[in-house]
Amino acid sequence: MKIGLTAETAIDLPKELLKKYKIKTVPFTIILGEESGFDGDITPDDIFAFVEKTGGLPKTSAVNEYQFKQLFKEVLVDHDEVIHFSISSKLSSAYENALKAAEHFKGKVHVIDTLTISGGIALLAIYARSLIGKGEDSKTIIEKVEKRIPYVKVTSVLHSIDYLYKGGRCSALARFGVNLFKIRPEIIMKDGNMASKKLYRGKDAVVVKKYCLDVLEDYKNIDKSIVFLASAAYPDEIIDIAEEILKSHDFKKIIRIKAGSTISAYCGDKTIGMFFIDDFGI
């Protein structure tokens, strides 16, 4: 039984890792004013340039049922079944659209609501690939992946919550307070939704260092075999600070990724985040 893995571009893995783990993706649509295009064709830099030039903010359009049908049809040419990893259903209608598309394939396509984003989706998909390598069947893989979902931790520090405000994910009052006092909020995923946690102030290097140390203090049972370190429009020297802290805390594999256009449309520029498994059978 040959099992294929798919995801939306919100998984944020670069091409070389998608190829390594044999994950096929389908893009969200990014809307910049009157212009629209697929995630990947429109880049995060395009988004940030649009915001700076116009003062407007991007919108995203979920992958539709037709796109999913085409994706699953393509993968099933060489596979017996497909397991699809969808961005949290609390953030997008992509999951519902994938389910509708899956109905056309008579039980050959299975859709998982990951309740997460970006590197969180990647952690689950990579785990599924390891189970495929061990010869597990699709039912077993899905059960094991879904047991792991509550333990996927997503945390990031944003430069601004303007993007979240425009997307309807925070209040005008919260936006006003953050902007007025130049606060850098930590955003986490909680039950499939974005929620605020801690607040930071200061220069980028100071904020990133304090944020990383706080995260490592807050989570006591982190699986240190793999962590994704994601960023949007941050210079390498700032990301280096985070990586050095992770190295000093014995993380074995630190994978740096760039937030794609879909996730950048949520978080904005000058964002840094970490994705790892905590407290799961450790």
C-alpha atoms as a PDB file:
ATOM      1  CA  MET A   1       0.000   0.000   0.000  1.00  0.00           C
ATOM      2  CA  LYS A   2       1.595   3.232  -1.180  1.00  0.00           C
ATOM      3  CA  ILE A   3       0.537   6.340   0.767  1.00  0.00           C
ATOM      4  CA  GLY A   4       1.017   9.906  -0.469  1.00  0.00           C
ATOM      5  CA  LEU A   5       1.210  12.994   1.745  1.00  0.00           C
ATOM      6  CA  THR A   6      -0.223  16.385   0.835  1.00  0.00           C
ATOM      7  CA  ALA A   7      -0.661  19.785   2.472  1.00  0.00           C
ATOM      8  CA  GLU A   8      -1.471  23.375   1.650  1.00  0.00           C
ATOM      9  CA  THR A   9       1.393  25.817   1.163  1.00  0.00           C
ATOM     10  CA  ALA A  10       0.769  26.995   4.739  1.00  0.00           C
ATOM     11  CA  ILE A  11       3.095  24.130   5.742  1.00  0.00           C
ATOM     12  CA  ASP A  12       5.973  26.539   4.897  1.00  0.00           C
ATOM     13  CA  LEU A  13       8.544  23.890   4.014  1.00  0.00           C
ATOM     14  CA  PRO A  14      11.106  24.858   1.374  1.00  0.00           C
ATOM     15  CA  LYS A  15      11.202  22.866  -1.859  1.00  0.00           C
ATOM     16  CA  GLU A  16      14.148  20.718  -0.813  1.00  0.00           C
ATOM     17  CA  LEU A  17      12.367  19.525   2.330  1.00  0.00           C
ATOM     18  CA  LEU A  18       9.085  18.944   0.505  1.00  0.00           C
ATOM     19  CA  LYS A  19      11.055  16.764  -1.886  1.00  0.00           C
ATOM     20  CA  LYS A  20      12.927  14.977   0.914  1.00  0.00           C
ATOM     21  CA  TYR A  21       9.740  14.085   2.780  1.00  0.00           C
ATOM     22  CA  LYS A  22       7.693  13.566  -0.396  1.00  0.00           C
ATOM     23  CA  ILE A  23       4.958  16.073   0.443  1.00  0.00           C
ATOM     24  CA  LYS A  24       2.897  17.581  -2.383  1.00  0.00           C
ATOM     25  CA  THR A  25       1.398  21.024  -1.745  1.00  0.00           C
ATOM     26  CA  VAL A  26      -1.436  23.126  -3.134  1.00  0.00           C
ATOM     27  CA  PRO A  27      -1.371  26.948  -2.833  1.00  0.00           C
ATOM     28  CA  PHE A  28      -3.580  29.452  -1.113  1.00  0.00           C
ATOM     29  CA  THR A  29      -4.458  32.578  -3.087  1.00  0.00           C
ATOM     30  CA  ILE A  30      -3.014  35.897  -1.919  1.00  0.00           C
ATOM     31  CA  ILE A  31      -4.920  39.111  -2.640  1.00  0.00           C
ATOM     32  CA  LEU A  32      -3.100  42.442  -2.720  1.00  0.00           C
ATOM     33  CA  GLY A  33      -5.628  45.113  -3.567  1.00  0.00           C
ATOM     34  CA  GLU A  34      -6.697  44.482  -7.160  1.00  0.00           C
ATOM     35  CA  GLU A  35      -3.961  41.900  -7.726  1.00  0.00           C
ATOM     36  CA  SER A  36      -4.162  38.251  -6.780  1.00  0.00           C
ATOM     37  CA  GLY A  37      -1.958  35.213  -7.250  1.00  0.00           C
ATOM     38  CA  PHE A  38      -0.923  31.934  -5.692  1.00  0.00           C
ATOM     39  CA  ASP A  39       1.203  31.632  -2.590  1.00  0.00           C
ATOM     40  CA  GLY A  40       4.680  31.239  -4.032  1.00  0.00           C
ATOM     41  CA  ASP A  41       4.003  33.349  -7.108  1.00  0.00           C
ATOM     42  CA  ILE A  42       3.240  36.237  -4.759  1.00  0.00           C
ATOM     43  CA  THR A  43       6.068  36.249  -2.219  1.00  0.00           C
ATOM     44  CA  PRO A  44       6.263  37.610   1.333  1.00  0.00           C
ATOM     45  CA  ASP A  45       8.457  40.418  -0.009  1.00  0.00           C
ATOM     46  CA  ASP A  46       5.654  41.328  -2.419  1.00  0.00           C
ATOM     47  CA  ILE A  47       3.259  41.456   0.525  1.00  0.00           C
ATOM     48  CA  PHE A  48       5.478  43.654   2.665  1.00  0.00           C
ATOM     49  CA  ALA A  49       6.202  46.003  -0.261  1.00  0.00           C
ATOM     50  CA  PHE A  50       2.464  46.310  -0.942  1.00  0.00           C
ATOM     51  CA  VAL A  51       1.749  47.172   2.697  1.00  0.00           C
ATOM     52  CA  GLU A  52       4.532  49.754   2.817  1.00  0.00           C
ATOM     53  CA  LYS A  53       3.464  51.378  -0.452  1.00  0.00           C
ATOM     54  CA  THR A  54      -0.322  51.408  -0.035  1.00  0.00           C
ATOM     55  CA  GLY A  55      -0.985  51.093   3.680  1.00  0.00           C
ATOM     56  CA  GLY A  56      -3.402  48.294   2.796  1.00  0.00           C
ATOM     57  CA  LEU A  57      -3.031  44.766   4.058  1.00  0.00           C
ATOM     58  CA  PRO A  58      -3.179  41.417   2.266  1.00  0.00           C
ATOM     59  CA  LYS A  59      -6.047  38.969   2.224  1.00  0.00           C
ATOM     60  CA  THR A  60      -5.976  35.245   1.660  1.00  0.00           C
ATOM     61  CA  SER A  61      -8.412  32.981  -0.141  1.00  0.00           C
ATOM     62  CA  ALA A  62      -8.544  29.344   0.921  1.00  0.00           C
ATOM     63  CA  VAL A  63      -7.711  26.500  -1.424  1.00  0.00           C
ATOM     64  CA  ASN A  64     -11.023  25.586  -3.064  1.00  0.00           C
ATOM     65  CA  GLU A  65     -12.645  22.212  -3.657  1.00  0.00           C
ATOM     66  CA  TYR A  66     -11.611  22.069  -7.318  1.00  0.00           C
ATOM     67  CA  GLN A  67      -7.936  22.671  -6.464  1.00  0.00           C
ATOM     68  CA  PHE A  68      -8.054  19.889  -3.893  1.00  0.00           C
ATOM     69  CA  LYS A  69      -9.680  17.479  -6.321  1.00  0.00           C
ATOM     70  CA  GLN A  70      -6.925  18.144  -8.841  1.00  0.00           C
ATOM     71  CA  LEU A  71      -4.251  17.653  -6.169  1.00  0.00           C
ATOM     72  CA  PHE A  72      -5.662  14.365  -4.913  1.00  0.00           C
ATOM     73  CA  LYS A  73      -6.251  13.078  -8.441  1.00  0.00           C
ATOM     74  CA  GLU A  74      -2.621  13.824  -9.344  1.00  0.00           C
ATOM     75  CA  VAL A  75      -1.184  12.108  -6.251  1.00  0.00           C
ATOM     76  CA  LEU A  76      -3.426   9.041  -6.614  1.00  0.00           C
ATOM     77  CA  VAL A  77      -1.918   8.306 -10.020  1.00  0.00           C
ATOM     78  CA  ASP A  78       1.108   6.876  -8.196  1.00  0.00           C
ATOM     79  CA  HIS A  79      -0.370   6.132  -4.772  1.00  0.00           C
ATOM     80  CA  ASP A  80      -3.129   3.967  -3.337  1.00  0.00           C
ATOM     81  CA  GLU A  81      -4.169   6.479  -0.659  1.00  0.00           C
ATOM     82  CA  VAL A  82      -3.549  10.090   0.340  1.00  0.00           C
ATOM     83  CA  ILE A  83      -3.277  11.661   3.784  1.00  0.00           C
ATOM     84  CA  HIS A  84      -3.793  15.425   3.638  1.00  0.00           C
ATOM     85  CA  PHE A  85      -2.601  17.795   6.373  1.00  0.00           C
ATOM     86  CA  SER A  86      -4.765  20.922   6.487  1.00  0.00           C
ATOM     87  CA  ILE A  87      -4.206  24.242   8.244  1.00  0.00           C
ATOM     88  CA  SER A  88      -6.378  24.670  11.342  1.00  0.00           C
ATOM     89  CA  SER A  89     -10.086  24.671  10.523  1.00  0.00           C
ATOM     90  CA  LYS A  90     -10.455  27.559  13.006  1.00  0.00           C
ATOM     91  CA  LEU A  91      -8.393  29.791  10.695  1.00  0.00           C
ATOM     92  CA  SER A  92      -9.490  28.783   7.213  1.00  0.00           C
ATOM     93  CA  SER A  93     -12.184  26.988   5.237  1.00  0.00           C
ATOM     94  CA  ALA A  94      -9.474  24.939   3.498  1.00  0.00           C
ATOM     95  CA  TYR A  95     -10.146  21.940   5.739  1.00  0.00           C
ATOM     96  CA  GLU A  96     -13.861  21.877   4.850  1.00  0.00           C
ATOM     97  CA  ASN A  97     -13.033  22.229   1.166  1.00  0.00           C
ATOM     98  CA  ALA A  98     -10.542  19.365   1.371  1.00  0.00           C
ATOM     99  CA  LEU A  99     -13.165  17.161   3.029  1.00  0.00           C
ATOM    100  CA  LYS A 100     -15.649  17.895   0.243  1.00  0.00           C
ATOM    101  CA  ALA A 101     -13.037  17.068  -2.384  1.00  0.00           C
ATOM    102  CA  ALA A 102     -12.073  13.852  -0.570  1.00  0.00           C
ATOM    103  CA  GLU A 103     -15.647  12.562  -0.887  1.00  0.00           C
ATOM    104  CA  HIS A 104     -15.067  12.081  -4.625  1.00  0.00           C
ATOM    105  CA  PHE A 105     -12.328   9.482  -4.061  1.00  0.00           C
ATOM    106  CA  LYS A 106     -14.231   6.684  -2.285  1.00  0.00           C
ATOM    107  CA  GLY A 107     -12.214   6.477   0.921  1.00  0.00           C
ATOM    108  CA  LYS A 108      -8.813   6.850  -0.687  1.00  0.00           C
ATOM    109  CA  VAL A 109      -8.230  10.378   0.647  1.00  0.00           C
ATOM    110  CA  HIS A 110      -8.041  11.137   4.376  1.00  0.00           C
ATOM    111  CA  VAL A 111      -8.016  14.734   5.649  1.00  0.00           C
ATOM    112  CA  ILE A 112      -6.487  15.724   8.993  1.00  0.00           C
ATOM    113  CA  ASP A 113      -7.380  18.987  10.714  1.00  0.00           C
ATOM    114  CA  THR A 114      -3.969  19.770  12.212  1.00  0.00           C
ATOM    115  CA  LEU A 115      -5.307  22.648  14.353  1.00  0.00           C
ATOM    116  CA  THR A 116      -2.005  24.361  13.667  1.00  0.00           C
ATOM    117  CA  ILE A 117       0.016  26.289  11.075  1.00  0.00           C
ATOM    118  CA  SER A 118       3.385  26.378   9.323  1.00  0.00           C
ATOM    119  CA  GLY A 119       6.086  24.343  11.076  1.00  0.00           C
ATOM    120  CA  GLY A 120       3.418  22.740  13.257  1.00  0.00           C
ATOM    121  CA  ILE A 121       1.890  21.146  10.166  1.00  0.00           C
ATOM    122  CA  ALA A 122       5.369  20.159   9.026  1.00  0.00           C
ATOM    123  CA  LEU A 123       6.103  18.335  12.290  1.00  0.00           C
ATOM    124  CA  LEU A 124       2.996  16.188  11.845  1.00  0.00           C
ATOM    125  CA  ALA A 125       3.609  15.471   8.164  1.00  0.00           C
ATOM    126  CA  ILE A 126       7.230  14.507   8.782  1.00  0.00           C
ATOM    127  CA  TYR A 127       6.117  12.186  11.586  1.00  0.00           C
ATOM    128  CA  ALA A 128       3.620  10.574   9.193  1.00  0.00           C
ATOM    129  CA  ARG A 129       6.395  10.064   6.647  1.00  0.00           C
ATOM    130  CA  SER A 130       8.453   8.238   9.294  1.00  0.00           C
ATOM    131  CA  LEU A 131       5.483   5.964  10.019  1.00  0.00           C
ATOM    132  CA  ILE A 132       5.064   5.233   6.321  1.00  0.00           C
ATOM    133  CA  GLY A 133       8.722   4.249   6.289  1.00  0.00           C
ATOM    134  CA  LYS A 134       7.984   1.736   9.033  1.00  0.00           C
ATOM    135  CA  GLY A 135       5.239   0.145   6.957  1.00  0.00           C
ATOM    136  CA  GLU A 136       2.270   1.420   9.001  1.00  0.00           C
ATOM    137  CA  ASP A 137      -1.146   1.484   7.294  1.00  0.00           C
ATOM    138  CA  SER A 138      -3.141   4.700   6.817  1.00  0.00           C
ATOM    139  CA  LYS A 139      -5.543   4.015   9.711  1.00  0.00           C
ATOM    140  CA  THR A 140      -2.691   3.546  12.163  1.00  0.00           C
ATOM    141  CA  ILE A 141      -0.814   6.578  10.841  1.00  0.00           C
ATOM    142  CA  ILE A 142      -3.859   8.832  11.185  1.00  0.00           C
ATOM    143  CA  GLU A 143      -4.547   7.614  14.725  1.00  0.00           C
ATOM    144  CA  LYS A 144      -0.956   8.219  15.805  1.00  0.00           C
ATOM    145  CA  VAL A 145      -0.772  11.647  14.141  1.00  0.00           C
ATOM    146  CA  GLU A 146      -4.055  12.799  15.690  1.00  0.00           C
ATOM    147  CA  LYS A 147      -2.863  11.743  19.158  1.00  0.00           C
ATOM    148  CA  ARG A 148       0.145  14.012  18.670  1.00  0.00           C
ATOM    149  CA  ILE A 149      -1.797  17.121  17.567  1.00  0.00           C
ATOM    150  CA  PRO A 150      -2.518  18.495  21.089  1.00  0.00           C
ATOM    151  CA  TYR A 151       1.202  18.437  21.845  1.00  0.00           C
ATOM    152  CA  VAL A 152       2.299  20.516  18.854  1.00  0.00           C
ATOM    153  CA  LYS A 153       3.393  23.881  20.221  1.00  0.00           C
ATOM    154  CA  VAL A 154       3.387  27.035  18.116  1.00  0.00           C
ATOM    155  CA  THR A 155       4.721  30.273  19.516  1.00  0.00           C
ATOM    156  CA  SER A 156       5.879  33.477  17.831  1.00  0.00           C
ATOM    157  CA  VAL A 157       6.626  37.118  18.529  1.00  0.00           C
ATOM    158  CA  LEU A 158       5.106  39.690  16.172  1.00  0.00           C
ATOM    159  CA  HIS A 159       6.356  43.167  15.381  1.00  0.00           C
ATOM    160  CA  SER A 160       2.784  44.369  14.913  1.00  0.00           C
ATOM    161  CA  ILE A 161      -0.741  42.971  15.196  1.00  0.00           C
ATOM    162  CA  ASP A 162      -2.045  45.078  12.303  1.00  0.00           C
ATOM    163  CA  TYR A 163      -2.183  42.004  10.070  1.00  0.00           C
ATOM    164  CA  LEU A 164      -4.127  40.024  12.679  1.00  0.00           C
ATOM    165  CA  TYR A 165      -6.499  42.964  13.213  1.00  0.00           C
ATOM    166  CA  LYS A 166      -7.302  43.288   9.514  1.00  0.00           C
ATOM    167  CA  GLY A 167      -7.869  39.557   9.381  1.00  0.00           C
ATOM    168  CA  GLY A 168     -10.394  39.789  12.212  1.00  0.00           C
ATOM    169  CA  ARG A 169      -8.171  37.956  14.694  1.00  0.00           C
ATOM    170  CA  CYS A 170      -7.786  40.701  17.328  1.00  0.00           C
ATOM    171  CA  SER A 171      -9.794  43.659  18.558  1.00  0.00           C
ATOM    172  CA  ALA A 172      -9.345  47.339  17.706  1.00  0.00           C
ATOM    173  CA  LEU A 173      -8.631  48.028  21.387  1.00  0.00           C
ATOM    174  CA  ALA A 174      -5.855  45.445  21.510  1.00  0.00           C
ATOM    175  CA  ARG A 175      -4.375  46.842  18.309  1.00  0.00           C
ATOM    176  CA  PHE A 176      -4.457  50.381  19.701  1.00  0.00           C
ATOM    177  CA  GLY A 177      -2.725  49.398  22.941  1.00  0.00           C
ATOM    178  CA  VAL A 178      -0.016  47.377  21.233  1.00  0.00           C
ATOM    179  CA  ASN A 179       0.778  50.128  18.740  1.00  0.00           C
ATOM    180  CA  LEU A 180       0.635  52.929  21.324  1.00  0.00           C
ATOM    181  CA  PHE A 181       3.105  51.317  23.710  1.00  0.00           C
ATOM    182  CA  LYS A 182       5.230  49.631  21.021  1.00  0.00           C
ATOM    183  CA  ILE A 183       4.537  46.234  22.509  1.00  0.00           C
ATOM    184  CA  ARG A 184       5.659  43.030  20.821  1.00  0.00           C
ATOM    185  CA  PRO A 185       3.056  40.325  21.547  1.00  0.00           C
ATOM    186  CA  GLU A 186       3.753  36.613  21.750  1.00  0.00           C
ATOM    187  CA  ILE A 187       1.102  34.710  19.806  1.00  0.00           C
ATOM    188  CA  ILE A 188       0.454  31.012  20.393  1.00  0.00           C
ATOM    189  CA  MET A 189      -1.884  28.456  18.885  1.00  0.00           C
ATOM    190  CA  LYS A 190      -4.502  27.337  21.412  1.00  0.00           C
ATOM    191  CA  ASP A 191      -7.207  24.841  20.455  1.00  0.00           C
ATOM    192  CA  GLY A 192      -6.692  25.685  16.789  1.00  0.00           C
ATOM    193  CA  ASN A 193      -6.945  29.449  17.216  1.00  0.00           C
ATOM    194  CA  MET A 194      -4.427  32.238  17.695  1.00  0.00           C
ATOM    195  CA  ALA A 195      -4.191  33.639  21.211  1.00  0.00           C
ATOM    196  CA  SER A 196      -1.925  36.138  22.949  1.00  0.00           C
ATOM    197  CA  LYS A 197       0.394  35.115  25.763  1.00  0.00           C
ATOM    198  CA  LYS A 198       3.273  37.345  26.858  1.00  0.00           C
ATOM    199  CA  LEU A 199       4.167  40.905  25.879  1.00  0.00           C
ATOM    200  CA  TYR A 200       7.639  42.229  25.096  1.00  0.00           C
ATOM    201  CA  ARG A 201       9.214  45.630  24.566  1.00  0.00           C
ATOM    202  CA  GLY A 202      12.645  46.654  23.347  1.00  0.00           C
ATOM    203  CA  LYS A 203      15.035  46.258  20.456  1.00  0.00           C
ATOM    204  CA  ASP A 204      14.824  43.199  18.241  1.00  0.00           C
ATOM    205  CA  ALA A 205      17.859  41.407  19.672  1.00  0.00           C
ATOM    206  CA  VAL A 206      16.697  41.932  23.261  1.00  0.00           C
ATOM    207  CA  VAL A 207      13.136  40.803  22.528  1.00  0.00           C
ATOM    208  CA  VAL A 208      14.193  37.675  20.628  1.00  0.00           C
ATOM    209  CA  LYS A 209      16.634  36.591  23.330  1.00  0.00           C
ATOM    210  CA  LYS A 210      14.108  37.102  26.146  1.00  0.00           C
ATOM    211  CA  TYR A 211      11.360  35.405  24.137  1.00  0.00           C
ATOM    212  CA  CYS A 212      13.464  32.306  23.427  1.00  0.00           C
ATOM    213  CA  LEU A 213      14.539  31.938  27.038  1.00  0.00           C
ATOM    214  CA  ASP A 214      10.953  32.367  28.229  1.00  0.00           C
ATOM    215  CA  VAL A 215       9.697  29.683  25.851  1.00  0.00           C
ATOM    216  CA  LEU A 216      12.329  27.232  27.053  1.00  0.00           C
ATOM    217  CA  GLU A 217      11.346  28.004  30.627  1.00  0.00           C
ATOM    218  CA  ASP A 218       7.599  27.707  29.979  1.00  0.00           C
ATOM    219  CA  TYR A 219       7.723  24.296  28.297  1.00  0.00           C
ATOM    220  CA  LYS A 220       9.320  21.658  30.494  1.00  0.00           C
ATOM    221  CA  ASN A 221       9.178  18.488  28.366  1.00  0.00           C
ATOM    222  CA  ILE A 222      10.182  19.578  24.886  1.00  0.00           C
ATOM    223  CA  ASP A 223      11.121  16.912  22.358  1.00  0.00           C
ATOM    224  CA  LYS A 224      14.533  18.285  21.438  1.00  0.00           C
ATOM    225  CA  SER A 225      15.041  15.973  18.471  1.00  0.00           C
ATOM    226  CA  ILE A 226      13.588  18.609  16.104  1.00  0.00           C
ATOM    227  CA  VAL A 227      12.445  22.225  16.222  1.00  0.00           C
ATOM    228  CA  PHE A 228      11.427  24.562  13.413  1.00  0.00           C
ATOM    229  CA  LEU A 229      12.670  28.131  13.703  1.00  0.00           C
ATOM    230  CA  ALA A 230      10.561  30.277  11.405  1.00  0.00           C
ATOM    231  CA  SER A 231      10.944  33.935  10.494  1.00  0.00           C
ATOM    232  CA  ALA A 232       9.503  36.631   8.276  1.00  0.00           C
ATOM    233  CA  ALA A 233      11.675  39.514   7.047  1.00  0.00           C
ATOM    234  CA  TYR A 234      14.207  39.260   9.863  1.00  0.00           C
ATOM    235  CA  PRO A 235      17.959  39.637   9.230  1.00  0.00           C
ATOM    236  CA  ASP A 236      20.077  36.540   9.745  1.00  0.00           C
ATOM    237  CA  GLU A 237      21.886  38.001  12.744  1.00  0.00           C
ATOM    238  CA  ILE A 238      18.629  38.171  14.704  1.00  0.00           C
ATOM    239  CA  ILE A 239      17.666  34.603  13.793  1.00  0.00           C
ATOM    240  CA  ASP A 240      21.203  33.529  14.742  1.00  0.00           C
ATOM    241  CA  ILE A 241      20.520  34.685  18.309  1.00  0.00           C
ATOM    242  CA  ALA A 242      17.556  32.335  18.549  1.00  0.00           C
ATOM    243  CA  GLU A 243      19.448  29.437  16.977  1.00  0.00           C
ATOM    244  CA  GLU A 244      22.390  29.804  19.344  1.00  0.00           C
ATOM    245  CA  ILE A 245      20.056  29.703  22.339  1.00  0.00           C
ATOM    246  CA  LEU A 246      18.402  26.541  21.004  1.00  0.00           C
ATOM    247  CA  LYS A 247      21.800  24.951  20.403  1.00  0.00           C
ATOM    248  CA  SER A 248      22.865  25.793  23.956  1.00  0.00           C
ATOM    249  CA  HIS A 249      19.760  23.956  25.185  1.00  0.00           C
ATOM    250  CA  ASP A 250      20.704  20.745  23.349  1.00  0.00           C
ATOM    251  CA  PHE A 251      18.274  20.761  20.433  1.00  0.00           C
ATOM    252  CA  LYS A 252      19.550  18.165  17.990  1.00  0.00           C
ATOM    253  CA  LYS A 253      17.971  19.360  14.735  1.00  0.00           C
ATOM    254  CA  ILE A 254      17.151  23.056  14.273  1.00  0.00           C
ATOM    255  CA  ILE A 255      15.499  23.724  10.927  1.00  0.00           C
ATOM    256  CA  ARG A 256      15.278  27.338   9.825  1.00  0.00           C
ATOM    257  CA  ILE A 257      12.355  28.114   7.543  1.00  0.00           C
ATOM    258  CA  LYS A 258      10.875  31.260   6.067  1.00  0.00           C
ATOM    259  CA  ALA A 259       7.205  32.018   6.582  1.00  0.00           C
ATOM    260  CA  GLY A 260       5.454  31.706   3.234  1.00  0.00           C
ATOM    261  CA  SER A 261       2.980  34.178   1.840  1.00  0.00           C
ATOM    262  CA  THR A 262      -0.076  32.656   3.508  1.00  0.00           C
ATOM    263  CA  ILE A 263       1.434  32.766   6.992  1.00  0.00           C
ATOM    264  CA  SER A 264       3.099  36.144   6.343  1.00  0.00           C
ATOM    265  CA  ALA A 265      -0.344  37.529   5.521  1.00  0.00           C
ATOM    266  CA  TYR A 266      -1.374  36.545   9.062  1.00  0.00           C
ATOM    267  CA  CYS A 267       1.715  37.569  11.017  1.00  0.00           C
ATOM    268  CA  GLY A 268       3.379  40.373   9.040  1.00  0.00           C
ATOM    269  CA  ASP A 269       7.056  41.209   8.826  1.00  0.00           C
ATOM    270  CA  LYS A 270       9.681  40.979  11.577  1.00  0.00           C
ATOM    271  CA  THR A 271       8.157  37.861  13.080  1.00  0.00           C
ATOM    272  CA  ILE A 272      10.033  34.948  14.603  1.00  0.00           C
ATOM    273  CA  GLY A 273       8.523  31.698  15.840  1.00  0.00           C
ATOM    274  CA  MET A 274       9.242  28.216  17.116  1.00  0.00           C
ATOM    275  CA  PHE A 275       7.443  24.930  16.452  1.00  0.00           C
ATOM    276  CA  PHE A 276       8.071  21.817  18.529  1.00  0.00           C
ATOM    277  CA  ILE A 277       6.453  18.885  20.339  1.00  0.00           C
ATOM    278  CA  ASP A 278       6.064  19.220  24.112  1.00  0.00           C
ATOM    279  CA  ASP A 279       5.080  16.712  26.778  1.00  0.00           C
ATOM    280  CA  PHE A 280       4.259  13.830  24.417  1.00  0.00           C
ATOM    281  CA  GLY A 281       5.659  10.536  25.699  1.00  0.00           C
ATOM    282  CA  ILE A 282       8.905  12.109  26.798  1.00  0.00           C
END
